[in-house]
Amino acid sequence: MDRAVIVLLTVCCLMQGPLVTTGRQPGTKQHFFYAVEMDGGTRAARALAEQHGLQFISRIGNLEGHFTLRDSRGRPDRATLVNTLAERTGVRWVQRQQTHYRDKRAVIRGLDPHHSLQEQQSELPSCRQDSLKTGDQPSPSLTFNDPLWPMQWELFNHGQYSSSHFDLNVMPVWSRNITGNGVVVSIIDDGVDHTNTDLKRNFEALASFDLRGSHGLSHDPMPIRDEENGHGTRCAGEVAMEANNSYCGVGIAFNARIGGIRLLDGTVTDSMEATSLTFNNDFIDVYVCCWGPRDDGQEMAGPGTLTQKALSIHTPILYMHAHMHVHTHKLMHACALAFLYSM
């Protein structure tokens, strides 16, 4: 299988949270950040920062010639600093970074998933286009001891919730021993709990990073343990839960390596998103981003300049947009990895 990099922007549900237009980096009171594109590499960027009383932070992900500078001074000329930097020799582009919220896509609450599923499946073909005919059972090698496996209709539908047998049609893929071996997936979200029983075997530290800085710069994506920060771990489970460990369910790519990039725990900037989407991109095959700007039907927002550049270095790019309940939320992750298998 040829190696492919897929940026997966999975938009799964209604969002909430206002847009913030402050120039301060998340979690700070006095720091302002600037993204600079310039010639001369890191040495030139450091010299530019020193000339203007700024602190050089780092290169922006794997974007060549792009750097982040920090201003911690209470300077009166802040409004003109962008123009001053842009006029310097070798500088191609400067932008003061604005912070904004990215809301996690989650399930729509208050729906009856069984009833909704029956309605949806009544409009879909009743025949499964695969080598497992309606009523057949999976081979012994595809029978799992995980307690929630019998309820995972999106992977193998044998009529749990309706007479339809529509599912992802992944069983024939698994029967060819295509189960995620050799594929590296990174969940860009609020972190991934790599100590989870269903994730620790498949966890990949080299596909992980903490952009929030709570652990320092490290490959530890452990989320804050509260009600707001479990989304990334759930997404990771849907992708790469370990199979046949008598715990929970089965991931769509249960032999894939899974990591996490901790980005969402407060406001973010364009440079932070670009860094996430280019982190170790020679190693990571699939980036899963189940979040996005506010989605209330009243406003429109897209990726920033740096994020667009980050997306442009990945091919192919797969976008998914839908409002979903719990079952179809899982199905979207499955469909995306099935796309990888087909390449």
Protein backbone atom coordinates (compact mmCIF):
# COMPACT_ATOMS: atom_id res chain seq x y z
CA MET A 1 0.00 0.00 0.00
CA ASP A 2 1.40 3.39 -0.98
CA ARG A 3 1.87 5.74 1.88
CA ALA A 4 -0.69 8.53 1.88
CA VAL A 5 -1.33 11.51 4.10
CA ILE A 6 -4.95 12.36 4.68
CA VAL A 7 -6.06 15.42 6.55
CA LEU A 8 -9.42 14.49 7.95
CA LEU A 9 -11.68 17.37 8.92
CA THR A 10 -14.66 15.53 10.35
CA VAL A 11 -17.50 17.89 11.14
CA CYS A 12 -19.85 15.93 13.28
CA CYS A 13 -22.28 18.14 15.17
CA LEU A 14 -23.64 21.50 16.25
CA MET A 15 -21.16 23.91 17.77
CA GLN A 16 -21.17 26.76 20.18
CA GLY A 17 -18.76 29.39 21.48
CA PRO A 18 -18.04 32.98 20.38
CA LEU A 19 -15.20 34.13 18.17
CA VAL A 20 -12.45 35.92 20.03
CA THR A 21 -10.32 38.52 18.29
CA THR A 22 -7.62 39.26 20.79
CA GLY A 23 -3.98 39.13 19.72
CA ARG A 24 -2.89 37.35 22.86
CA GLN A 25 -1.83 33.75 22.89
CA PRO A 26 -4.24 31.45 24.76
CA GLY A 27 -3.72 31.37 28.50
CA THR A 28 -1.65 34.54 28.69
CA LYS A 29 -2.24 38.14 29.80
CA GLN A 30 0.55 40.12 28.12
CA HIS A 31 2.08 38.12 25.28
CA PHE A 32 1.34 38.91 21.64
CA PHE A 33 2.38 36.61 18.84
CA TYR A 34 3.37 37.32 15.24
CA ALA A 35 3.73 34.91 12.34
CA VAL A 36 6.48 35.83 9.91
CA GLU A 37 7.39 34.41 6.51
CA MET A 38 10.92 35.37 5.55
CA ASP A 39 14.09 34.34 3.78
CA GLY A 40 17.27 33.35 5.57
CA GLY A 41 15.97 30.58 7.82
CA THR A 42 16.05 30.40 11.59
CA ARG A 43 19.17 32.58 11.93
CA ALA A 44 17.54 35.47 10.07
CA ALA A 45 14.31 35.10 12.07
CA ARG A 46 16.24 35.22 15.34
CA ALA A 47 18.08 38.33 14.18
CA LEU A 48 14.80 40.01 13.21
CA ALA A 49 13.34 39.26 16.62
CA GLU A 50 16.41 40.65 18.41
CA GLN A 51 16.38 43.85 16.35
CA HIS A 52 12.82 44.63 17.43
CA GLY A 53 12.87 43.44 21.03
CA LEU A 54 10.90 40.29 20.27
CA GLN A 55 11.47 36.70 21.33
CA PHE A 56 12.00 34.02 18.70
CA ILE A 57 9.74 31.06 19.52
CA SER A 58 10.00 28.44 16.80
CA ARG A 59 9.43 27.50 13.21
CA ILE A 60 5.73 27.01 12.45
CA GLY A 61 5.42 23.26 12.10
CA ASN A 62 6.98 22.04 8.89
CA LEU A 63 6.19 25.21 6.93
CA GLU A 64 9.48 26.28 5.40
CA GLY A 65 10.46 29.87 6.10
CA HIS A 66 7.60 30.52 8.59
CA PHE A 67 8.29 31.46 12.21
CA THR A 68 6.55 32.61 15.37
CA LEU A 69 7.81 35.65 17.31
CA ARG A 70 6.54 36.81 20.69
CA ASP A 71 6.18 40.34 22.01
CA SER A 72 5.98 40.70 25.77
CA ARG A 73 6.53 44.45 25.97
CA GLY A 74 3.87 47.01 26.71
CA ARG A 75 4.95 49.07 23.73
CA PRO A 76 2.95 52.07 22.49
CA ASP A 77 3.83 51.35 18.84
CA ARG A 78 2.19 47.93 18.74
CA ALA A 79 -0.24 49.01 16.00
CA THR A 80 2.64 49.85 13.67
CA LEU A 81 4.85 46.86 14.53
CA VAL A 82 3.44 44.68 11.75
CA ASN A 83 4.26 47.34 9.14
CA THR A 84 7.71 47.85 10.62
CA LEU A 85 8.51 44.14 10.46
CA ALA A 86 7.11 43.81 6.94
CA GLU A 87 9.49 46.50 5.66
CA ARG A 88 12.60 44.64 6.76
CA THR A 89 14.81 42.98 4.15
CA GLY A 90 13.89 39.37 3.49
CA VAL A 91 10.47 39.55 5.14
CA ARG A 92 7.71 38.35 2.80
CA TRP A 93 4.67 38.40 5.08
CA VAL A 94 3.76 39.27 8.68
CA GLN A 95 0.55 38.72 10.59
CA ARG A 96 -0.36 39.36 14.19
CA GLN A 97 -2.01 36.22 15.45
CA GLN A 98 -5.65 36.40 16.54
CA THR A 99 -7.10 33.86 18.92
CA HIS A 100 -10.38 32.08 18.31
CA TYR A 101 -12.38 29.14 19.57
CA ARG A 102 -12.59 25.81 17.82
CA ASP A 103 -15.50 23.76 19.05
CA LYS A 104 -15.45 19.99 19.16
CA ARG A 105 -17.96 18.14 17.06
CA ALA A 106 -20.03 15.91 19.30
CA VAL A 107 -23.19 13.87 19.10
CA ILE A 108 -26.56 15.58 18.91
CA ARG A 109 -28.26 14.97 22.21
CA GLY A 110 -31.94 14.20 22.60
CA LEU A 111 -32.34 11.94 19.56
CA ASP A 112 -33.49 8.36 19.67
CA PRO A 113 -30.63 6.75 17.76
CA HIS A 114 -32.48 3.49 17.13
CA HIS A 115 -35.52 5.24 15.69
CA SER A 116 -33.42 7.60 13.58
CA LEU A 117 -31.30 4.72 12.34
CA GLN A 118 -34.36 2.79 11.18
CA GLU A 119 -35.63 5.82 9.26
CA GLN A 120 -32.29 6.36 7.56
CA GLN A 121 -31.76 2.74 6.65
CA SER A 122 -35.23 2.43 5.16
CA GLU A 123 -34.03 4.83 2.44
CA LEU A 124 -30.83 2.91 1.73
CA PRO A 125 -30.27 -0.25 -0.33
CA SER A 126 -31.17 -3.30 1.68
CA CYS A 127 -28.54 -5.50 0.03
CA ARG A 128 -24.98 -5.40 1.27
CA GLN A 129 -22.48 -5.20 -1.58
CA ASP A 130 -19.86 -7.47 -0.10
CA SER A 131 -18.69 -11.02 0.14
CA LEU A 132 -20.70 -11.57 3.34
CA LYS A 133 -24.29 -12.09 2.27
CA THR A 134 -27.23 -11.04 4.39
CA GLY A 135 -27.58 -13.37 7.34
CA ASP A 136 -24.00 -14.64 7.17
CA GLN A 137 -21.78 -14.55 10.21
CA PRO A 138 -18.16 -13.39 10.22
CA SER A 139 -15.40 -15.94 10.10
CA PRO A 140 -13.99 -17.13 13.45
CA SER A 141 -10.95 -14.88 12.95
CA LEU A 142 -13.29 -11.86 12.87
CA THR A 143 -15.23 -12.71 16.00
CA PHE A 144 -14.25 -10.49 18.91
CA ASN A 145 -14.61 -10.90 22.68
CA ASP A 146 -15.00 -7.15 23.32
CA PRO A 147 -18.33 -6.66 25.14
CA LEU A 148 -19.60 -3.76 22.98
CA TRP A 149 -18.71 -5.40 19.66
CA PRO A 150 -22.21 -6.89 19.14
CA MET A 151 -23.65 -3.36 19.21
CA GLN A 152 -21.25 -1.86 16.66
CA TRP A 153 -23.67 -2.04 13.74
CA GLU A 154 -21.64 0.46 11.71
CA LEU A 155 -18.88 -2.16 11.39
CA PHE A 156 -21.02 -5.31 11.15
CA ASN A 157 -24.77 -4.95 10.90
CA HIS A 158 -26.59 -8.20 11.46
CA GLY A 159 -29.94 -6.60 12.17
CA GLN A 160 -29.32 -5.29 15.67
CA TYR A 161 -31.61 -2.29 15.28
CA SER A 162 -33.55 -2.82 12.05
CA SER A 163 -34.19 -5.30 9.28
CA SER A 164 -31.67 -3.50 7.07
CA HIS A 165 -28.13 -4.84 6.93
CA PHE A 166 -26.53 -1.61 5.78
CA ASP A 167 -23.10 -1.00 7.31
CA LEU A 168 -19.62 0.18 6.35
CA ASN A 169 -18.88 -3.08 4.53
CA VAL A 170 -15.55 -3.31 6.31
CA MET A 171 -15.65 -7.06 7.03
CA PRO A 172 -14.31 -8.05 3.59
CA VAL A 173 -11.48 -5.56 4.11
CA TRP A 174 -10.63 -7.06 7.48
CA SER A 175 -10.83 -10.57 5.99
CA ARG A 176 -7.96 -9.54 3.70
CA ASN A 177 -5.96 -8.74 6.84
CA ILE A 178 -6.23 -4.98 6.25
CA THR A 179 -6.73 -3.84 9.83
CA GLY A 180 -4.52 -0.77 10.12
CA ASN A 181 -1.09 -2.40 10.21
CA GLY A 182 1.49 0.10 9.04
CA VAL A 183 -0.88 3.08 9.31
CA VAL A 184 -0.16 5.94 11.75
CA VAL A 185 -3.09 8.11 12.83
CA SER A 186 -2.96 11.28 14.91
CA ILE A 187 -6.02 12.80 16.59
CA ILE A 188 -5.76 16.61 16.68
CA ASP A 189 -8.08 17.47 19.54
CA ASP A 190 -8.08 18.06 23.30
CA GLY A 191 -5.58 15.25 23.90
CA VAL A 192 -5.57 11.47 24.04
CA ASP A 193 -5.45 9.42 27.23
CA HIS A 194 -2.78 6.92 26.20
CA THR A 195 -3.14 5.03 29.48
CA ASN A 196 -6.66 3.94 28.50
CA THR A 197 -6.96 0.15 28.46
CA ASP A 198 -8.14 0.12 24.85
CA LEU A 199 -5.50 2.56 23.54
CA LYS A 200 -2.23 1.94 25.37
CA ARG A 201 -1.17 -1.00 23.19
CA ASN A 202 -1.55 0.99 19.95
CA PHE A 203 -0.32 4.36 21.25
CA GLU A 204 2.39 6.05 19.19
CA ALA A 205 4.38 8.78 20.95
CA LEU A 206 5.99 9.98 17.71
CA ALA A 207 2.52 10.86 16.41
CA SER A 208 1.80 12.86 19.56
CA PHE A 209 2.55 16.34 20.83
CA ASP A 210 1.29 18.77 23.45
CA LEU A 211 0.77 22.25 22.01
CA ARG A 212 -0.88 23.57 25.18
CA GLY A 213 2.33 23.39 27.17
CA SER A 214 0.90 21.98 30.40
CA HIS A 215 3.56 19.26 30.36
CA GLY A 216 6.17 21.39 28.61
CA LEU A 217 7.14 20.58 25.04
CA SER A 218 6.69 16.84 24.95
CA HIS A 219 5.17 13.89 23.16
CA ASP A 220 2.66 13.45 25.97
CA PRO A 221 -0.87 14.39 24.77
CA MET A 222 -2.58 13.56 28.06
CA PRO A 223 -5.75 15.69 28.36
CA ILE A 224 -6.90 17.55 31.41
CA ARG A 225 -9.10 15.13 33.32
CA ASP A 226 -12.45 16.89 33.41
CA GLU A 227 -15.80 16.79 31.64
CA GLU A 228 -14.64 19.09 28.84
CA ASN A 229 -11.59 17.13 27.72
CA GLY A 230 -12.43 13.57 26.70
CA HIS A 231 -13.39 14.14 23.09
CA GLY A 232 -10.00 13.28 21.59
CA THR A 233 -9.78 10.05 23.55
CA ARG A 234 -13.21 8.98 22.30
CA CYS A 235 -12.23 9.76 18.70
CA ALA A 236 -9.03 7.75 19.14
CA GLY A 237 -11.06 4.82 20.41
CA GLU A 238 -13.36 4.84 17.40
CA VAL A 239 -10.31 4.66 15.18
CA ALA A 240 -7.93 2.28 16.94
CA MET A 241 -9.46 0.54 19.97
CA GLU A 242 -7.59 -2.69 20.57
CA ALA A 243 -9.52 -5.79 19.52
CA ASN A 244 -9.96 -9.00 21.51
CA ASN A 245 -8.90 -7.61 24.86
CA SER A 246 -12.32 -8.18 26.48
CA TYR A 247 -12.78 -4.46 26.95
CA CYS A 248 -15.20 -1.98 25.38
CA GLY A 249 -15.40 -2.28 21.58
CA VAL A 250 -13.35 -2.60 18.40
CA GLY A 251 -11.73 0.22 16.42
CA ILE A 252 -12.16 0.52 12.66
CA ALA A 253 -8.37 0.16 12.31
CA PHE A 254 -7.67 -1.86 15.43
CA ASN A 255 -4.04 -2.55 14.51
CA ALA A 256 -3.15 1.04 13.56
CA ARG A 257 -0.77 3.14 15.59
CA ILE A 258 -2.63 6.00 17.28
CA GLY A 259 -1.34 9.29 18.64
CA GLY A 260 -2.76 12.62 19.70
CA ILE A 261 -1.89 16.28 19.25
CA ARG A 262 -3.23 18.32 22.15
CA LEU A 263 -4.50 21.56 20.65
CA LEU A 264 -8.02 22.22 21.96
CA ASP A 265 -8.08 23.36 25.58
CA GLY A 266 -8.90 27.02 25.19
CA THR A 267 -8.50 29.41 22.29
CA VAL A 268 -6.09 28.70 19.43
CA THR A 269 -4.30 30.66 16.70
CA ASP A 270 -3.76 30.09 13.01
CA SER A 271 -0.11 29.22 13.64
CA MET A 272 -1.08 26.62 16.25
CA GLU A 273 -3.45 24.93 13.81
CA ALA A 274 -0.81 24.95 11.08
CA THR A 275 1.73 23.46 13.47
CA SER A 276 -0.68 20.66 14.35
CA LEU A 277 -1.44 19.81 10.73
CA THR A 278 2.23 19.60 9.77
CA PHE A 279 3.64 17.95 12.88
CA ASN A 280 5.84 14.99 11.88
CA ASN A 281 4.00 14.82 8.56
CA ASP A 282 6.61 12.49 7.06
CA PHE A 283 5.58 9.90 9.66
CA ILE A 284 1.84 10.44 10.23
CA ASP A 285 -0.53 9.11 7.56
CA VAL A 286 -3.89 10.38 8.82
CA TYR A 287 -4.78 13.50 10.81
CA VAL A 288 -8.25 13.42 12.37
CA CYS A 289 -9.78 16.82 13.19
CA CYS A 290 -13.30 16.42 14.56
CA TRP A 291 -13.78 20.12 15.35
CA GLY A 292 -14.08 23.44 13.60
CA PRO A 293 -15.43 27.00 13.72
CA ARG A 294 -18.85 27.86 15.03
CA ASP A 295 -21.55 26.16 12.97
CA ASP A 296 -24.85 27.90 13.69
CA GLY A 297 -25.92 28.75 10.14
CA GLN A 298 -25.36 32.46 10.74
CA GLU A 299 -21.68 32.85 10.00
CA MET A 300 -19.00 31.34 7.82
CA ALA A 301 -15.36 30.74 8.66
CA GLY A 302 -12.56 28.80 7.06
CA PRO A 303 -8.90 28.02 7.68
CA GLY A 304 -6.50 30.89 8.17
CA THR A 305 -3.58 31.73 5.89
CA LEU A 306 -1.11 29.45 7.65
CA THR A 307 -3.58 26.60 8.00
CA GLN A 308 -4.34 26.80 4.28
CA LYS A 309 -0.63 26.48 3.58
CA ALA A 310 -0.44 23.51 5.92
CA LEU A 311 -3.35 21.82 4.14
CA SER A 312 -1.79 22.44 0.74
CA ILE A 313 1.23 20.24 1.47
CA HIS A 314 -0.97 17.19 2.11
CA THR A 315 -2.56 15.13 -0.68
CA PRO A 316 -5.13 13.82 -0.91
CA ILE A 317 -7.35 15.90 1.39
CA LEU A 318 -10.69 14.51 2.55
CA TYR A 319 -13.33 16.84 3.97
CA MET A 320 -16.46 15.57 5.71
CA HIS A 321 -19.35 17.79 6.75
CA ALA A 322 -22.52 16.61 8.46
CA HIS A 323 -24.63 16.93 11.60
CA MET A 324 -24.82 13.55 13.27
CA HIS A 325 -25.97 11.47 16.15
CA VAL A 326 -23.82 8.92 17.93
CA HIS A 327 -23.96 6.08 15.41
CA THR A 328 -23.18 8.15 12.32
CA HIS A 329 -20.44 9.97 14.20
CA LYS A 330 -18.63 6.64 14.47
CA LEU A 331 -19.44 5.82 10.87
CA MET A 332 -17.70 8.94 9.57
CA HIS A 333 -14.42 7.96 11.22
CA ALA A 334 -14.78 4.51 9.74
CA CYS A 335 -15.48 5.80 6.23
CA ALA A 336 -12.39 7.99 6.33
CA LEU A 337 -10.08 5.14 7.16
CA ALA A 338 -11.78 2.96 4.57
CA PHE A 339 -10.79 5.66 2.08
CA LEU A 340 -7.17 5.15 3.11
CA TYR A 341 -7.48 1.41 2.59
CA SER A 342 -8.78 1.93 -0.94
CA MET A 343 -5.71 3.85 -2.09
